[in-house]
Amino acid sequence: MPSDPSQPPRKPLPPAAQRALAEAEARRAAAAQTASQPAPKEFQGPKGPEPTRYGDWENKGIASDF
């Protein structure tokens, strides 16, 4: 990130903040690696689009919102 001469310099981050940023970066890297792997096939799940994603669940022809 280039330094802008019109902006005052930032104070250094405390160690706890640096650790938190490092943890967040590690989580992002792990999530990106996991996202590239295919999801396991679901057995005996609902047919059609994922019900929890679209806000309702259908069971034996009856749809319930939750």
C-alpha atoms as a PDB file:
ATOM      1  CA  MET A   1       0.000   0.000   0.000  1.00  0.00           C
ATOM      2  CA  PRO A   2       1.684   3.245  -1.089  1.00  0.00           C
ATOM      3  CA  SER A   3       2.005   5.966   1.483  1.00  0.00           C
ATOM      4  CA  ASP A   4       0.094   9.176   0.748  1.00  0.00           C
ATOM      5  CA  PRO A   5       2.168  12.205   1.800  1.00  0.00           C
ATOM      6  CA  SER A   6      -0.984  14.262   2.530  1.00  0.00           C
ATOM      7  CA  GLN A   7      -2.107  11.735   5.187  1.00  0.00           C
ATOM      8  CA  PRO A   8      -0.463  11.582   8.625  1.00  0.00           C
ATOM      9  CA  PRO A   9       1.416   8.330   9.335  1.00  0.00           C
ATOM     10  CA  ARG A  10      -0.559   5.644  11.144  1.00  0.00           C
ATOM     11  CA  LYS A  11       0.324   4.464  14.618  1.00  0.00           C
ATOM     12  CA  PRO A  12       1.788   0.963  14.797  1.00  0.00           C
ATOM     13  CA  LEU A  13      -0.703  -1.783  15.594  1.00  0.00           C
ATOM     14  CA  PRO A  14      -0.573  -3.415  19.030  1.00  0.00           C
ATOM     15  CA  PRO A  15       0.524  -7.073  19.140  1.00  0.00           C
ATOM     16  CA  ALA A  16      -3.041  -8.305  19.755  1.00  0.00           C
ATOM     17  CA  ALA A  17      -4.250  -6.573  16.597  1.00  0.00           C
ATOM     18  CA  GLN A  18      -1.360  -8.008  14.593  1.00  0.00           C
ATOM     19  CA  ARG A  19      -2.214 -11.517  15.857  1.00  0.00           C
ATOM     20  CA  ALA A  20      -5.888 -10.990  14.954  1.00  0.00           C
ATOM     21  CA  LEU A  21      -4.963  -9.911  11.422  1.00  0.00           C
ATOM     22  CA  ALA A  22      -2.686 -12.939  11.032  1.00  0.00           C
ATOM     23  CA  GLU A  23      -5.476 -15.266  12.253  1.00  0.00           C
ATOM     24  CA  ALA A  24      -7.963 -13.706   9.851  1.00  0.00           C
ATOM     25  CA  GLU A  25      -5.572 -14.157   6.927  1.00  0.00           C
ATOM     26  CA  ALA A  26      -5.014 -17.810   7.901  1.00  0.00           C
ATOM     27  CA  ARG A  27      -8.791 -18.385   8.055  1.00  0.00           C
ATOM     28  CA  ARG A  28      -9.255 -16.758   4.629  1.00  0.00           C
ATOM     29  CA  ALA A  29      -6.555 -19.000   3.160  1.00  0.00           C
ATOM     30  CA  ALA A  30      -8.125 -22.123   4.723  1.00  0.00           C
ATOM     31  CA  ALA A  31     -11.589 -21.130   3.476  1.00  0.00           C
ATOM     32  CA  ALA A  32     -10.269 -20.540  -0.048  1.00  0.00           C
ATOM     33  CA  GLN A  33      -8.592 -23.944  -0.042  1.00  0.00           C
ATOM     34  CA  THR A  34     -11.757 -25.659   1.234  1.00  0.00           C
ATOM     35  CA  ALA A  35     -13.952 -23.833  -1.308  1.00  0.00           C
ATOM     36  CA  SER A  36     -11.898 -25.213  -4.189  1.00  0.00           C
ATOM     37  CA  GLN A  37     -12.722 -28.807  -3.171  1.00  0.00           C
ATOM     38  CA  PRO A  38     -16.043 -30.306  -4.344  1.00  0.00           C
ATOM     39  CA  ALA A  39     -18.745 -30.734  -1.714  1.00  0.00           C
ATOM     40  CA  PRO A  40     -19.573 -34.321  -0.704  1.00  0.00           C
ATOM     41  CA  LYS A  41     -22.758 -35.809  -2.202  1.00  0.00           C
ATOM     42  CA  GLU A  42     -25.769 -35.635   0.102  1.00  0.00           C
ATOM     43  CA  PHE A  43     -27.784 -38.811   0.718  1.00  0.00           C
ATOM     44  CA  GLN A  44     -31.533 -38.730   1.471  1.00  0.00           C
ATOM     45  CA  GLY A  45     -31.622 -34.945   1.274  1.00  0.00           C
ATOM     46  CA  PRO A  46     -34.390 -32.789  -0.189  1.00  0.00           C
ATOM     47  CA  LYS A  47     -34.835 -32.687  -3.953  1.00  0.00           C
ATOM     48  CA  GLY A  48     -34.355 -29.369  -5.721  1.00  0.00           C
ATOM     49  CA  PRO A  49     -32.711 -26.188  -4.426  1.00  0.00           C
ATOM     50  CA  GLU A  50     -31.310 -26.033  -0.906  1.00  0.00           C
ATOM     51  CA  PRO A  51     -34.287 -25.175   1.359  1.00  0.00           C
ATOM     52  CA  THR A  52     -32.293 -23.384   4.043  1.00  0.00           C
ATOM     53  CA  ARG A  53     -30.868 -21.072   1.402  1.00  0.00           C
ATOM     54  CA  TYR A  54     -34.278 -20.125  -0.017  1.00  0.00           C
ATOM     55  CA  GLY A  55     -36.074 -19.765   3.327  1.00  0.00           C
ATOM     56  CA  ASP A  56     -38.594 -22.612   3.324  1.00  0.00           C
ATOM     57  CA  TRP A  57     -38.721 -26.354   3.765  1.00  0.00           C
ATOM     58  CA  GLU A  58     -41.082 -28.763   2.060  1.00  0.00           C
ATOM     59  CA  ASN A  59     -41.972 -32.053   3.701  1.00  0.00           C
ATOM     60  CA  LYS A  60     -44.647 -34.330   2.187  1.00  0.00           C
ATOM     61  CA  GLY A  61     -46.024 -31.494   0.078  1.00  0.00           C
ATOM     62  CA  ILE A  62     -46.322 -29.017   2.965  1.00  0.00           C
ATOM     63  CA  ALA A  63     -44.008 -26.010   2.855  1.00  0.00           C
ATOM     64  CA  SER A  64     -43.077 -24.292   6.080  1.00  0.00           C
ATOM     65  CA  ASP A  65     -41.199 -21.024   6.350  1.00  0.00           C
ATOM     66  CA  PHE A  66     -38.674 -20.539   9.075  1.00  0.00           C
END
